[in-house]
């Protein structure tokens, strides 16, 4: 299974393409889509869409795992992140790829086994699970890879396979 993990944003969108097979993870590509501060916001959204379309076209992705939004203190930032996330979801939908959403708690639990794990713990386990020499930078990239791992864990569970067979998910 090829999974695209995405950490949504409008200044930086982290992404990670991961192969999951036989309980093992292998990174295929990861990085960040960075938009220029000061650009008109619609241009930033276009930059995100164009770059993401390129990643989607490069791999035969089976699933997209994206972070569920949670409200922050800064409403303007939250709205802009939500708008960027909408563009990301549209790109994935148009590519015909199944989209799965996970909360930060679900990601922490899947990657470290502990839902209250701190960010450095999640990043280190992500590095280890992917056999990387160092934690990917920026943090958004590491978060996206953790998102992909979370989906691999969820999709690989016996319960999820059973529910998928019965049409419950």
Protein backbone atom coordinates (compact mmCIF):
# COMPACT_ATOMS: atom_id res chain seq x y z
CA UNK A 1 0.00 0.00 0.00
CA UNK A 2 1.26 3.48 -0.90
CA UNK A 3 0.13 6.16 1.57
CA UNK A 4 0.43 9.91 1.23
CA UNK A 5 0.51 11.63 4.62
CA UNK A 6 -0.25 15.34 4.69
CA UNK A 7 0.18 17.95 7.40
CA UNK A 8 -1.99 20.79 6.08
CA UNK A 9 -1.09 24.45 6.23
CA UNK A 10 -0.87 27.46 3.95
CA UNK A 11 2.71 28.59 4.59
CA UNK A 12 4.07 25.02 4.76
CA UNK A 13 2.35 21.79 3.74
CA UNK A 14 4.27 18.76 4.91
CA UNK A 15 3.92 15.61 2.83
CA UNK A 16 5.31 12.10 2.92
CA UNK A 17 4.80 9.20 0.54
CA UNK A 18 5.30 5.91 2.32
CA UNK A 19 5.12 2.30 1.17
CA UNK A 20 3.62 -0.04 3.78
CA UNK A 21 3.96 -3.76 3.18
CA UNK A 22 4.36 -6.73 5.48
CA UNK A 23 4.31 -4.52 8.54
CA UNK A 24 7.30 -2.50 7.28
CA UNK A 25 7.41 1.13 6.22
CA UNK A 26 9.61 2.54 3.49
CA UNK A 27 9.74 6.25 2.64
CA UNK A 28 9.45 6.95 -1.08
CA UNK A 29 9.48 10.75 -0.99
CA UNK A 30 8.92 13.45 1.57
CA UNK A 31 9.24 17.16 1.86
CA UNK A 32 7.36 20.40 2.22
CA UNK A 33 5.41 22.63 -0.10
CA UNK A 34 6.37 26.15 0.93
CA UNK A 35 4.48 29.24 -0.16
CA UNK A 36 5.91 32.75 -0.12
CA UNK A 37 4.81 35.12 2.62
CA UNK A 38 3.38 38.30 1.19
CA UNK A 39 1.95 36.59 -1.89
CA UNK A 40 -1.78 36.97 -2.45
CA UNK A 41 -3.52 34.15 -0.62
CA UNK A 42 -5.14 32.67 -3.76
CA UNK A 43 -1.66 32.43 -5.34
CA UNK A 44 -0.45 30.52 -2.27
CA UNK A 45 -3.36 28.09 -2.66
CA UNK A 46 -2.50 27.65 -6.34
CA UNK A 47 1.13 26.86 -5.41
CA UNK A 48 -0.08 24.18 -2.99
CA UNK A 49 -2.45 22.67 -5.55
CA UNK A 50 0.15 22.59 -8.34
CA UNK A 51 2.84 21.00 -6.16
CA UNK A 52 0.44 18.45 -4.66
CA UNK A 53 -0.89 17.51 -8.11
CA UNK A 54 2.71 16.76 -9.08
CA UNK A 55 3.17 14.39 -6.13
CA UNK A 56 -0.19 12.72 -6.80
CA UNK A 57 0.73 12.16 -10.45
CA UNK A 58 4.14 10.68 -9.60
CA UNK A 59 2.92 7.74 -7.47
CA UNK A 60 0.08 5.25 -7.50
CA UNK A 61 -1.21 6.34 -4.11
CA UNK A 62 -3.75 4.05 -2.43
CA UNK A 63 -4.75 6.33 0.45
CA UNK A 64 -4.27 9.85 1.73
CA UNK A 65 -3.99 10.43 5.47
CA UNK A 66 -4.55 14.02 6.57
CA UNK A 67 -4.76 15.69 9.93
CA UNK A 68 -8.23 16.61 11.18
CA UNK A 69 -8.36 20.29 11.98
CA UNK A 70 -8.81 21.44 15.50
CA UNK A 71 -9.55 25.02 16.44
CA UNK A 72 -6.70 27.27 17.43
CA UNK A 73 -6.70 30.61 19.21
CA UNK A 74 -5.99 32.63 16.06
CA UNK A 75 -9.20 32.55 13.99
CA UNK A 76 -7.62 34.11 10.89
CA UNK A 77 -4.91 31.43 10.84
CA UNK A 78 -7.45 28.66 11.44
CA UNK A 79 -9.60 29.85 8.53
CA UNK A 80 -6.62 30.07 6.18
CA UNK A 81 -5.42 26.59 7.17
CA UNK A 82 -8.96 25.29 6.60
CA UNK A 83 -9.03 26.88 3.15
CA UNK A 84 -5.66 25.34 2.25
CA UNK A 85 -6.89 22.00 3.60
CA UNK A 86 -9.93 22.32 1.33
CA UNK A 87 -7.66 22.75 -1.70
CA UNK A 88 -5.63 19.71 -0.60
CA UNK A 89 -8.77 17.59 -0.18
CA UNK A 90 -10.03 18.67 -3.61
CA UNK A 91 -6.74 17.69 -5.27
CA UNK A 92 -6.90 14.24 -3.65
CA UNK A 93 -10.59 13.81 -4.48
CA UNK A 94 -9.99 14.73 -8.13
CA UNK A 95 -7.17 12.18 -8.24
CA UNK A 96 -9.67 9.55 -7.08
CA UNK A 97 -7.77 8.66 -3.92
CA UNK A 98 -9.50 7.58 -0.72
CA UNK A 99 -9.03 10.17 2.05
CA UNK A 100 -8.72 9.32 5.75
CA UNK A 101 -8.60 11.84 8.57
CA UNK A 102 -6.82 11.40 11.89
CA UNK A 103 -6.58 13.47 15.04
CA UNK A 104 -3.24 14.29 16.66
CA UNK A 105 -4.18 11.86 19.47
CA UNK A 106 -4.68 9.04 16.95
CA UNK A 107 -1.35 9.78 15.30
CA UNK A 108 0.52 9.85 18.62
CA UNK A 109 -1.09 6.57 19.68
CA UNK A 110 -0.35 4.85 16.37
CA UNK A 111 3.27 6.00 16.16
CA UNK A 112 4.37 5.79 19.80
CA UNK A 113 1.69 3.69 21.48
CA UNK A 114 0.93 6.61 23.81
CA UNK A 115 -1.67 9.28 22.99
CA UNK A 116 -0.05 11.89 25.23
CA UNK A 117 3.42 11.55 23.68
CA UNK A 118 5.31 14.77 23.14
CA UNK A 119 6.26 15.97 19.66
CA UNK A 120 9.96 14.95 19.96
CA UNK A 121 8.91 11.38 20.88
CA UNK A 122 6.61 11.14 17.84
CA UNK A 123 9.32 12.52 15.57
CA UNK A 124 11.94 10.09 16.88
CA UNK A 125 9.63 7.08 16.50
CA UNK A 126 8.77 8.23 12.98
CA UNK A 127 12.49 8.37 12.18
CA UNK A 128 13.01 4.88 13.60
CA UNK A 129 10.00 3.30 11.88
CA UNK A 130 11.17 4.69 8.53
CA UNK A 131 14.85 3.83 9.19
CA UNK A 132 15.93 7.42 8.53
CA UNK A 133 19.28 8.79 9.67
CA UNK A 134 17.69 11.91 11.08
CA UNK A 135 14.28 13.42 11.71
CA UNK A 136 13.05 15.12 8.52
CA UNK A 137 12.86 18.90 8.51
CA UNK A 138 10.79 20.98 8.68
CA UNK A 139 8.60 19.55 11.44
CA UNK A 140 5.62 19.60 9.07
CA UNK A 141 7.36 16.93 6.96
CA UNK A 142 7.93 14.69 9.97
CA UNK A 143 4.30 15.22 10.98
CA UNK A 144 3.13 14.17 7.51
CA UNK A 145 5.23 11.00 7.65
CA UNK A 146 3.74 10.23 11.09
CA UNK A 147 0.29 10.71 9.54
CA UNK A 148 1.13 8.12 6.86
CA UNK A 149 2.36 5.69 9.51
CA UNK A 150 -0.85 6.23 11.46
CA UNK A 151 -2.88 5.19 8.44
CA UNK A 152 -0.68 2.16 7.87
CA UNK A 153 -1.29 1.08 11.46
CA UNK A 154 -5.04 1.67 11.18
CA UNK A 155 -5.42 0.06 7.75
CA UNK A 156 -3.32 -2.92 8.82
CA UNK A 157 -5.38 -3.70 11.89
CA UNK A 158 -7.47 -6.86 11.88
CA UNK A 159 -10.54 -4.92 13.06
CA UNK A 160 -10.28 -2.43 10.21
CA UNK A 161 -9.87 -5.19 7.61
CA UNK A 162 -12.95 -6.91 9.05
CA UNK A 163 -14.98 -3.71 8.93
CA UNK A 164 -13.85 -2.99 5.36
CA UNK A 165 -14.92 -6.49 4.26
CA UNK A 166 -18.36 -5.97 5.83
CA UNK A 167 -18.70 -2.53 4.25
CA UNK A 168 -18.75 -0.81 7.64
CA UNK A 169 -16.18 1.82 6.81
